[in-house]
Amino acid sequence: MVQNNITLKKIFRFWLPLALTWLLMSVEGPLIAAIISRLAEPKFNLAAHGIAFSFALIIEAPIIMIMSASTALVKNRQTFLKLRNFTYIANGLITVIMLIFIIPDVFSFVTEYLLELPKEVAELTYIDTIILLPWPAAIGYRRFYQGLLISDNKTVKVTLGTIIRLFFMGITAFGLYLFTDFHGVIVGGSALSAGVIAEGLASKIMARDIEKRLRANHTHPERISYRGIMKFYYPLALTSLLSLGVYPMVTFFMGHSRLSIESLAILPVVNSLVFIFRSLGLSYQEVGIAMMGENFANYKKLRDFGWILGGSVIVGLSIIAYTPLANFWFETVSGLTYELSELSINTLAIVTILPALTVLISFQRAVLVYARNTSPITFATAAEVTGIIVVLFITINMFDMIGAYGAAIAYMIGRIAANFYLVPPYMKSIRTGIKK
C-alpha cells in the first residue's frame, strides 16, 4: 500500500529500478545494430531487421499494456486468475496472428506489393520475422508478472529480469557473430527472441511469492469480470495498436522517399539512441499508477518529479545531438559509414525534445489509468497517428523530403498533438479525484 504525502526521494527510489530496466532494454537496439553493421551487407540487413522488428511490435501491440493492467487491477486471488487467463488467451491470439503473417503468400503481399520493398530486403525481413515468432507472446507473459512485481514494490526484481534478458541476448548475439557466418538478421532476431524468453521465465520465478500470496487472498473485496477487464483494457490495447501500427506506415512512406534504403537503414539506429532517453519517461507511467495515493494525494509530488525528469532528458540528448559526441556515437559505436552517420545526426537533431514529450504523455496516461478513464488515451493516440501520417504525406509526397527527415518531423508533430489532446481529460481526472 503506497503511503500518501510521499517525498521526491521516495519517488526516485521507486522509479530508479524501473528506469534502469528501460535503460537496459534500450541497449538492445544499439547493440544489435552495431553487430549487424559489422557483418556482410549491413545496409540491407539493418533495413530488414528494422522492418521485421516493426512487424513484431505491431503484432505484440495489443498485449503491451498488460503490465499497467496488472499493476492497477490485480489485488487478490480472483483478480489475479481473471487477468492471468485474459493474458494467456491474448498471447495465444497474437501468436496465431504471427503465424498467419509468416505464411509466404501473405508476407510477400505485405512486403513486396504493399510496402514495395526491394526483393533482397524482403527476403531478409522474412527470415528475421520467422525468428521473432516467440517475441509477442513472451512480451505479454513477462509484462503480466512484472506488473505484479511493481504493485508489490519489487521494482528491483524487474531490473534483475532485464539484466537476465540482456545476458542471454548478448551471449546469443556475440556467439553467432563470432562463430557463424549467418546474416545479420539471423543474429539480431535470434538474440532478441532468446533474451525476452529468458526474461519472461525469470519474471515468473521472481513473482512466485507474490502469486502464492494472491492465490491465498480471498478476503480483499475487489472483484472483476472478464467484461470489466475488457472495458478497462481495450482502450489501452487500441492505444498500443495504433501507436505501434504506425511503424509499417512510416516504412511505407520511407520506401517511396528520397534516399529510401539509407533512411530505412538509419532510422532504427537513431530511434535506438533516442529510446535510451525516452525510456526514462516510459518507466514513469507505472510509477504514477502505483504511487498516486488515495484521492490523488501524491499528484503534486509526482508532477514535480516529472518536470525534473523531462528537463533532464532534454539536456542529456542535446549534449549528444549538438556536439561531436554524435559523430562518435554513430560512426564509432554504431559502426555507420560517414554518409549514413551524417544523415543520422541531422535526423537526431529534429527529435531532441521527443523524450521530454514522452515523460509528459506517460504521466498523463498514468493519471487516466489510475482514474480508470482509459478511453481518452486511445483517442489521443489516434490523433498522434493521424498527425504522423499527414505530415509524412506532406513532407515526402509534396516536398520530396529525405525519408528519415520526414519521419522525424512527423513523430514530433504527432506526439505534440497527442499531448495536447490529453490535457482536458487529464485535468478533469485530477479535479474529480482530489474532490473525492
Protein backbone atom coordinates (compact mmCIF):
# COMPACT_ATOMS: atom_id res chain seq x y z
CA MET A 1 0.00 0.00 0.00
CA VAL A 2 1.55 3.30 -1.07
CA GLN A 3 1.53 5.99 1.59
CA ASN A 4 0.10 9.44 0.97
CA ASN A 5 2.34 12.52 1.07
CA ILE A 6 5.44 10.80 -0.30
CA THR A 7 8.69 12.67 -0.98
CA LEU A 8 10.66 13.21 -4.18
CA LYS A 9 13.33 10.93 -2.72
CA LYS A 10 10.83 8.07 -2.35
CA ILE A 11 9.59 8.60 -5.88
CA PHE A 12 13.17 8.50 -7.13
CA ARG A 13 13.92 5.28 -5.25
CA PHE A 14 10.77 3.62 -6.65
CA TRP A 15 11.37 4.94 -10.18
CA LEU A 16 15.11 4.24 -10.45
CA PRO A 17 14.92 0.42 -10.85
CA LEU A 18 12.19 0.80 -13.48
CA ALA A 19 14.23 3.45 -15.27
CA LEU A 20 17.27 1.16 -15.17
CA THR A 21 15.07 -1.60 -16.59
CA TRP A 22 14.07 0.52 -19.56
CA LEU A 23 17.63 1.81 -19.97
CA LEU A 24 18.93 -1.73 -20.07
CA MET A 25 16.31 -2.61 -22.67
CA SER A 26 17.36 0.43 -24.69
CA VAL A 27 20.83 -1.10 -25.02
CA GLU A 28 19.35 -3.85 -27.19
CA GLY A 29 18.81 -1.70 -30.27
CA PRO A 30 22.26 -0.06 -30.45
CA LEU A 31 24.00 -3.35 -29.61
CA ILE A 32 22.18 -5.33 -32.29
CA ALA A 33 22.63 -2.51 -34.82
CA ALA A 34 26.36 -2.31 -34.04
CA ILE A 35 26.77 -6.05 -34.65
CA ILE A 36 24.68 -6.11 -37.84
CA SER A 37 26.57 -3.10 -39.22
CA ARG A 38 29.83 -5.09 -38.89
CA LEU A 39 28.53 -8.09 -40.83
CA ALA A 40 28.04 -8.58 -44.57
CA GLU A 41 25.66 -6.23 -46.44
CA PRO A 42 24.94 -4.02 -43.41
CA LYS A 43 22.63 -1.59 -45.21
CA PHE A 44 20.22 -4.30 -46.35
CA ASN A 45 20.38 -6.22 -43.06
CA LEU A 46 19.86 -3.11 -40.92
CA ALA A 47 16.87 -2.12 -43.03
CA ALA A 48 15.41 -5.65 -42.93
CA HIS A 49 15.90 -6.02 -39.17
CA GLY A 50 14.22 -2.67 -38.53
CA ILE A 51 11.25 -3.67 -40.67
CA ALA A 52 10.92 -7.16 -39.11
CA PHE A 53 11.11 -5.68 -35.64
CA SER A 54 8.37 -3.19 -36.52
CA PHE A 55 6.17 -6.11 -37.63
CA ALA A 56 6.80 -7.92 -34.33
CA LEU A 57 5.99 -4.73 -32.43
CA ILE A 58 2.65 -4.17 -34.13
CA ILE A 59 1.61 -7.80 -33.57
CA GLU A 60 2.57 -7.61 -29.89
CA ALA A 61 0.85 -4.22 -29.52
CA PRO A 62 -2.44 -5.49 -28.02
CA ILE A 63 -0.61 -7.11 -25.09
CA ILE A 64 1.97 -4.44 -24.23
CA MET A 65 -0.24 -2.54 -21.79
CA ILE A 66 -0.94 -5.66 -19.73
CA MET A 67 1.73 -4.50 -17.27
CA SER A 68 -0.29 -1.37 -16.49
CA ALA A 69 -3.42 -3.51 -16.13
CA SER A 70 -1.63 -5.94 -13.84
CA THR A 71 -0.29 -3.10 -11.71
CA ALA A 72 -3.70 -1.45 -11.41
CA LEU A 73 -6.15 -4.39 -11.23
CA VAL A 74 -4.60 -7.41 -9.50
CA LYS A 75 -5.49 -7.32 -5.79
CA ASN A 76 -6.45 -10.89 -4.78
CA ARG A 77 -6.96 -14.47 -6.00
CA GLN A 78 -9.99 -13.65 -8.12
CA THR A 79 -8.46 -10.66 -9.94
CA PHE A 80 -5.15 -12.49 -10.40
CA LEU A 81 -6.72 -15.54 -12.03
CA LYS A 82 -9.03 -13.48 -14.23
CA LEU A 83 -6.27 -11.25 -15.59
CA ARG A 84 -3.81 -14.14 -15.93
CA ASN A 85 -6.30 -16.12 -18.03
CA PHE A 86 -7.05 -13.00 -20.06
CA THR A 87 -3.31 -12.58 -20.70
CA TYR A 88 -2.84 -16.20 -21.79
CA ILE A 89 -5.76 -16.01 -24.21
CA ALA A 90 -4.44 -12.77 -25.68
CA ASN A 91 -0.97 -14.31 -26.04
CA GLY A 92 -2.46 -17.25 -27.93
CA LEU A 93 -4.34 -14.96 -30.31
CA ILE A 94 -1.35 -12.78 -31.18
CA THR A 95 0.77 -15.89 -31.78
CA VAL A 96 -1.84 -17.16 -34.25
CA ILE A 97 -1.74 -13.77 -36.00
CA MET A 98 2.06 -14.02 -36.21
CA LEU A 99 1.78 -17.50 -37.74
CA ILE A 100 -0.69 -16.27 -40.35
CA PHE A 101 1.55 -13.31 -41.16
CA ILE A 102 4.56 -15.50 -41.95
CA ILE A 103 2.64 -17.59 -44.50
CA PRO A 104 4.80 -16.87 -47.58
CA ASP A 105 2.00 -15.53 -49.79
CA VAL A 106 0.67 -13.26 -47.03
CA PHE A 107 4.14 -11.97 -46.19
CA SER A 108 5.04 -11.35 -49.83
CA PHE A 109 1.79 -9.43 -50.36
CA VAL A 110 2.60 -7.10 -47.46
CA THR A 111 6.31 -6.57 -48.08
CA GLU A 112 6.64 -6.70 -51.86
CA TYR A 113 3.21 -5.49 -53.02
CA LEU A 114 2.09 -3.06 -50.29
CA LEU A 115 5.45 -1.82 -49.00
CA GLU A 116 7.25 -2.36 -52.32
CA LEU A 117 10.45 -3.42 -50.58
CA PRO A 118 13.40 -4.47 -52.73
CA LYS A 119 13.48 -8.25 -53.10
CA GLU A 120 16.73 -8.70 -51.17
CA VAL A 121 15.37 -6.65 -48.25
CA ALA A 122 12.03 -8.51 -48.29
CA GLU A 123 13.77 -11.91 -48.16
CA LEU A 124 15.96 -10.90 -45.22
CA THR A 125 12.93 -9.43 -43.46
CA TYR A 126 11.07 -12.74 -43.81
CA ILE A 127 13.91 -14.69 -42.16
CA ASP A 128 14.05 -12.23 -39.25
CA THR A 129 10.27 -12.27 -38.77
CA ILE A 130 10.19 -16.08 -38.50
CA ILE A 131 12.89 -15.98 -35.83
CA LEU A 132 10.88 -13.37 -33.90
CA LEU A 133 7.81 -15.67 -33.77
CA PRO A 134 8.03 -16.19 -29.95
CA TRP A 135 8.56 -12.48 -29.27
CA PRO A 136 4.96 -11.17 -28.92
CA ALA A 137 3.68 -13.85 -26.51
CA ALA A 138 6.88 -13.75 -24.45
CA ILE A 139 6.43 -9.98 -24.06
CA GLY A 140 2.87 -10.43 -22.78
CA TYR A 141 3.91 -13.17 -20.37
CA ARG A 142 6.73 -11.21 -18.76
CA ARG A 143 4.82 -7.91 -18.59
CA PHE A 144 1.96 -9.56 -16.68
CA TYR A 145 4.34 -10.81 -14.00
CA GLN A 146 6.32 -7.57 -13.99
CA GLY A 147 3.09 -5.77 -13.13
CA LEU A 148 2.76 -7.97 -10.04
CA LEU A 149 6.32 -7.11 -9.02
CA ILE A 150 5.72 -3.37 -9.47
CA SER A 151 2.47 -3.34 -7.49
CA ASP A 152 4.27 -5.18 -4.67
CA ASN A 153 7.09 -2.60 -4.66
CA LYS A 154 9.59 -5.14 -6.03
CA THR A 155 10.89 -2.91 -8.81
CA VAL A 156 14.48 -4.06 -8.25
CA LYS A 157 13.42 -7.56 -9.37
CA VAL A 158 12.07 -6.08 -12.59
CA THR A 159 15.54 -4.69 -13.23
CA LEU A 160 17.11 -8.05 -12.42
CA GLY A 161 14.85 -9.70 -15.01
CA THR A 162 16.06 -7.25 -17.64
CA ILE A 163 19.69 -7.94 -16.73
CA ILE A 164 18.96 -11.64 -17.34
CA ARG A 165 17.36 -10.71 -20.66
CA LEU A 166 20.42 -8.73 -21.77
CA PHE A 167 22.76 -11.50 -20.66
CA PHE A 168 21.04 -14.12 -22.81
CA MET A 169 20.65 -11.66 -25.67
CA GLY A 170 24.33 -10.75 -25.53
CA ILE A 171 25.52 -14.35 -25.30
CA THR A 172 23.38 -15.25 -28.32
CA ALA A 173 24.39 -12.22 -30.38
CA PHE A 174 28.13 -12.45 -29.77
CA GLY A 175 28.14 -16.23 -30.08
CA LEU A 176 26.52 -16.11 -33.51
CA TYR A 177 28.69 -13.15 -34.55
CA LEU A 178 31.95 -14.85 -33.59
CA PHE A 179 31.28 -18.46 -34.51
CA THR A 180 28.93 -18.42 -37.52
CA ASP A 181 28.60 -16.77 -40.91
CA PHE A 182 24.87 -16.06 -40.51
CA HIS A 183 23.21 -12.99 -41.98
CA GLY A 184 22.87 -10.02 -39.64
CA VAL A 185 19.11 -10.51 -39.44
CA ILE A 186 19.57 -14.04 -38.07
CA VAL A 187 21.96 -12.79 -35.42
CA GLY A 188 19.65 -9.91 -34.45
CA GLY A 189 16.39 -11.85 -34.42
CA SER A 190 17.84 -14.82 -32.51
CA ALA A 191 19.35 -12.57 -29.87
CA LEU A 192 16.10 -10.67 -29.26
CA SER A 193 13.99 -13.84 -29.02
CA ALA A 194 16.41 -15.58 -26.66
CA GLY A 195 16.59 -12.56 -24.37
CA VAL A 196 12.86 -11.96 -23.98
CA ILE A 197 12.07 -15.65 -23.39
CA ALA A 198 14.67 -15.75 -20.62
CA GLU A 199 13.26 -12.57 -19.05
CA GLY A 200 9.72 -13.93 -19.12
CA LEU A 201 10.70 -17.10 -17.27
CA ALA A 202 12.76 -15.11 -14.77
CA SER A 203 9.85 -12.74 -14.06
CA LYS A 204 7.55 -15.67 -13.41
CA ILE A 205 10.04 -17.22 -10.97
CA MET A 206 10.66 -13.95 -9.12
CA ALA A 207 6.92 -13.35 -8.71
CA ARG A 208 6.24 -16.79 -7.17
CA ASP A 209 5.83 -15.49 -3.60
CA ILE A 210 3.51 -12.71 -4.75
CA GLU A 211 1.46 -15.21 -6.75
CA LYS A 212 1.14 -17.51 -3.72
CA ARG A 213 0.00 -14.61 -1.55
CA LEU A 214 -2.55 -13.50 -4.12
CA ARG A 215 -3.90 -17.03 -4.54
CA ALA A 216 -4.40 -17.24 -0.77
CA ASN A 217 -6.14 -13.85 -0.56
CA HIS A 218 -9.91 -14.45 -0.60
CA THR A 219 -10.82 -11.52 1.65
CA HIS A 220 -9.94 -8.48 -0.44
CA PRO A 221 -13.28 -7.01 -1.56
CA GLU A 222 -12.30 -6.07 -5.11
CA ARG A 223 -13.73 -8.28 -7.87
CA ILE A 224 -13.55 -8.04 -11.63
CA SER A 225 -15.21 -9.83 -14.55
CA TYR A 226 -13.85 -10.54 -18.00
CA ARG A 227 -16.26 -7.90 -19.25
CA GLY A 228 -14.78 -5.46 -16.75
CA ILE A 229 -11.25 -6.31 -17.87
CA MET A 230 -12.22 -5.77 -21.50
CA LYS A 231 -13.84 -2.43 -20.71
CA PHE A 232 -10.71 -1.30 -18.86
CA TYR A 233 -8.17 -2.82 -21.21
CA TYR A 234 -9.41 -2.45 -24.77
CA PRO A 235 -8.67 1.30 -24.94
CA LEU A 236 -5.13 0.53 -23.77
CA ALA A 237 -4.77 -2.24 -26.36
CA LEU A 238 -6.07 0.03 -29.11
CA THR A 239 -3.63 2.69 -27.95
CA SER A 240 -0.68 0.36 -28.36
CA LEU A 241 -2.02 -1.00 -31.64
CA LEU A 242 -2.40 2.48 -33.09
CA SER A 243 0.92 3.65 -31.70
CA LEU A 244 2.97 0.71 -32.93
CA GLY A 245 0.91 0.25 -36.06
CA VAL A 246 2.28 3.50 -37.37
CA TYR A 247 5.72 1.92 -37.91
CA PRO A 248 4.71 -0.03 -41.04
CA MET A 249 3.13 3.19 -42.34
CA VAL A 250 6.39 5.03 -41.75
CA THR A 251 8.20 2.20 -43.54
CA PHE A 252 5.79 2.51 -46.46
CA PHE A 253 6.34 6.25 -46.86
CA MET A 254 10.12 6.00 -46.45
CA GLY A 255 10.19 3.23 -49.04
CA HIS A 256 8.85 5.79 -51.53
CA SER A 257 11.04 8.67 -50.39
CA ARG A 258 14.33 10.15 -51.46
CA LEU A 259 17.27 8.08 -50.11
CA SER A 260 14.81 5.34 -49.17
CA ILE A 261 17.23 2.49 -48.35
CA GLU A 262 19.51 4.85 -46.42
CA SER A 263 16.53 6.16 -44.44
CA LEU A 264 15.29 2.64 -43.67
CA ALA A 265 18.80 1.71 -42.53
CA ILE A 266 19.49 4.67 -40.21
CA LEU A 267 16.08 5.29 -38.65
CA PRO A 268 16.29 2.21 -36.34
CA VAL A 269 19.77 3.36 -35.27
CA VAL A 270 18.54 6.88 -34.46
CA ASN A 271 15.44 5.52 -32.74
CA SER A 272 17.62 3.26 -30.61
CA LEU A 273 19.61 6.24 -29.31
CA VAL A 274 16.50 8.36 -28.70
CA PHE A 275 14.89 5.39 -26.95
CA ILE A 276 17.65 5.45 -24.34
CA PHE A 277 16.33 8.85 -23.21
CA ARG A 278 12.68 8.10 -23.91
CA SER A 279 12.97 5.03 -21.69
CA LEU A 280 13.39 7.26 -18.65
CA GLY A 281 9.94 8.67 -19.38
CA LEU A 282 8.30 5.40 -20.39
CA SER A 283 9.21 3.97 -17.00
CA TYR A 284 7.32 6.80 -15.31
CA GLN A 285 3.85 5.56 -16.31
CA GLU A 286 3.86 2.61 -13.89
CA VAL A 287 5.39 4.84 -11.19
CA GLY A 288 2.45 7.23 -11.47
CA ILE A 289 -0.12 4.42 -11.40
CA ALA A 290 1.43 2.71 -8.38
CA MET A 291 2.26 5.81 -6.29
CA MET A 292 -0.61 8.23 -6.92
CA GLY A 293 -2.07 7.61 -3.46
CA GLU A 294 -5.64 7.87 -2.22
CA ASN A 295 -7.63 10.60 -4.00
CA PHE A 296 -4.50 11.73 -5.89
CA ALA A 297 -2.75 12.65 -2.64
CA ASN A 298 0.70 12.33 -4.23
CA TYR A 299 -0.15 14.02 -7.52
CA LYS A 300 1.81 17.25 -6.96
CA LYS A 301 4.99 15.47 -5.92
CA LEU A 302 4.75 13.13 -8.91
CA ARG A 303 4.12 16.09 -11.21
CA ASP A 304 7.16 17.96 -9.85
CA PHE A 305 9.34 14.90 -10.31
CA GLY A 306 8.08 14.68 -13.89
CA TRP A 307 9.17 18.25 -14.60
CA ILE A 308 12.66 17.49 -13.31
CA LEU A 309 12.83 14.31 -15.34
CA GLY A 310 11.61 15.98 -18.53
CA GLY A 311 14.20 18.74 -18.30
CA SER A 312 16.96 16.23 -17.63
CA VAL A 313 16.29 14.10 -20.72
CA ILE A 314 16.24 17.18 -22.98
CA VAL A 315 19.64 18.28 -21.67
CA GLY A 316 21.09 14.76 -21.91
CA LEU A 317 20.07 14.13 -25.52
CA SER A 318 21.04 17.65 -26.61
CA ILE A 319 24.58 17.12 -25.32
CA ILE A 320 24.90 14.24 -27.76
CA ALA A 321 22.91 15.69 -30.67
CA TYR A 322 24.69 19.04 -30.91
CA THR A 323 28.29 18.08 -30.09
CA PRO A 324 30.98 15.81 -31.62
CA LEU A 325 29.56 13.04 -29.44
CA ALA A 326 27.04 12.47 -32.23
CA ASN A 327 29.81 11.53 -34.68
CA PHE A 328 31.36 9.26 -32.07
CA TRP A 329 28.06 7.50 -31.41
CA PHE A 330 27.01 6.90 -34.99
CA GLU A 331 30.43 6.20 -36.55
CA THR A 332 32.43 4.56 -33.74
CA VAL A 333 29.75 2.95 -31.57
CA SER A 334 27.10 2.15 -34.21
CA GLY A 335 29.63 1.48 -36.98
CA LEU A 336 27.85 3.53 -39.66
CA THR A 337 29.61 4.92 -42.70
CA TYR A 338 30.32 8.66 -42.83
CA GLU A 339 27.38 9.28 -45.19
CA LEU A 340 24.90 7.33 -43.03
CA SER A 341 26.30 8.99 -39.92
CA GLU A 342 25.67 12.49 -41.29
CA LEU A 343 22.12 11.53 -42.21
CA SER A 344 21.62 10.14 -38.67
CA ILE A 345 22.96 13.28 -36.99
CA ASN A 346 20.58 15.54 -38.91
CA THR A 347 17.65 13.25 -38.11
CA LEU A 348 18.56 13.17 -34.41
CA ALA A 349 18.64 16.97 -34.22
CA ILE A 350 14.96 17.10 -35.21
CA VAL A 351 13.72 14.86 -32.36
CA THR A 352 15.72 16.25 -29.43
CA ILE A 353 12.68 17.12 -27.30
CA LEU A 354 10.83 13.86 -28.03
CA PRO A 355 11.99 12.19 -24.76
CA ALA A 356 10.53 15.08 -22.72
CA LEU A 357 7.21 14.70 -24.53
CA THR A 358 7.36 11.01 -23.60
CA VAL A 359 7.68 11.92 -19.91
CA LEU A 360 4.62 14.15 -20.25
CA ILE A 361 2.42 11.61 -22.01
CA SER A 362 3.47 8.84 -19.60
CA PHE A 363 2.32 10.91 -16.65
CA GLN A 364 -0.89 11.95 -18.42
CA ARG A 365 -1.66 8.29 -19.11
CA ALA A 366 -0.80 7.31 -15.53
CA VAL A 367 -3.37 9.77 -14.19
CA LEU A 368 -6.06 8.47 -16.55
CA VAL A 369 -5.31 4.78 -15.87
CA TYR A 370 -5.39 5.44 -12.12
CA ALA A 371 -8.75 7.19 -12.57
CA ARG A 372 -10.00 4.18 -14.64
CA ASN A 373 -10.66 6.58 -17.54
CA THR A 374 -8.69 4.91 -20.32
CA SER A 375 -10.70 5.82 -23.44
CA PRO A 376 -9.12 9.30 -23.93
CA ILE A 377 -5.74 7.60 -24.21
CA THR A 378 -6.93 5.80 -27.34
CA PHE A 379 -8.26 8.98 -28.97
CA ALA A 380 -5.02 10.81 -28.18
CA THR A 381 -3.03 8.05 -29.87
CA ALA A 382 -5.38 8.22 -32.87
CA ALA A 383 -4.62 11.94 -33.09
CA GLU A 384 -0.91 11.17 -32.91
CA VAL A 385 -1.06 8.54 -35.65
CA THR A 386 -3.17 10.81 -37.86
CA GLY A 387 -0.66 13.62 -37.40
CA ILE A 388 2.25 11.32 -38.29
CA ILE A 389 0.58 10.05 -41.47
CA VAL A 390 -0.48 13.53 -42.64
CA VAL A 391 2.96 15.01 -42.04
CA LEU A 392 4.65 12.07 -43.77
CA PHE A 393 2.41 12.53 -46.80
CA ILE A 394 3.17 16.26 -46.96
CA THR A 395 6.92 16.06 -46.38
CA ILE A 396 7.63 13.09 -48.63
CA ASN A 397 4.96 13.24 -51.35
CA MET A 398 4.69 17.01 -51.68
CA PHE A 399 8.13 18.30 -50.65
CA ASP A 400 10.22 15.28 -51.73
CA MET A 401 11.99 15.31 -48.37
CA ILE A 402 14.54 12.68 -47.39
CA GLY A 403 12.55 9.88 -45.74
CA ALA A 404 14.34 9.93 -42.38
CA TYR A 405 13.85 13.70 -42.01
CA GLY A 406 10.17 13.47 -42.87
CA ALA A 407 9.68 10.65 -40.35
CA ALA A 408 11.43 12.62 -37.59
CA ILE A 409 9.26 15.69 -38.17
CA ALA A 410 6.16 13.52 -38.28
CA TYR A 411 6.99 11.81 -34.98
CA MET A 412 7.43 15.18 -33.28
CA ILE A 413 4.21 16.76 -34.54
CA GLY A 414 2.19 13.62 -33.88
CA ARG A 415 3.35 13.35 -30.26
CA ILE A 416 2.64 17.05 -29.60
CA ALA A 417 -0.90 16.53 -30.93
CA ALA A 418 -1.42 13.61 -28.50
CA ASN A 419 -0.09 15.63 -25.56
CA PHE A 420 -2.49 18.48 -26.27
CA TYR A 421 -5.45 16.15 -26.73
CA LEU A 422 -4.94 14.62 -23.28
CA VAL A 423 -4.85 17.91 -21.40
CA PRO A 424 -8.65 18.29 -20.83
CA PRO A 425 -9.38 14.69 -19.64
CA TYR A 426 -6.18 14.73 -17.60
CA MET A 427 -7.18 17.93 -15.79
CA LYS A 428 -10.74 16.68 -15.27
CA SER A 429 -9.49 13.43 -13.71
CA ILE A 430 -7.27 15.39 -11.33
CA ARG A 431 -10.05 17.73 -10.25
CA THR A 432 -12.55 14.89 -9.79
CA GLY A 433 -10.10 12.69 -7.92
CA ILE A 434 -8.96 15.36 -5.47
CA LYS A 435 -12.57 16.28 -4.59
CA LYS A 436 -13.44 12.69 -3.55
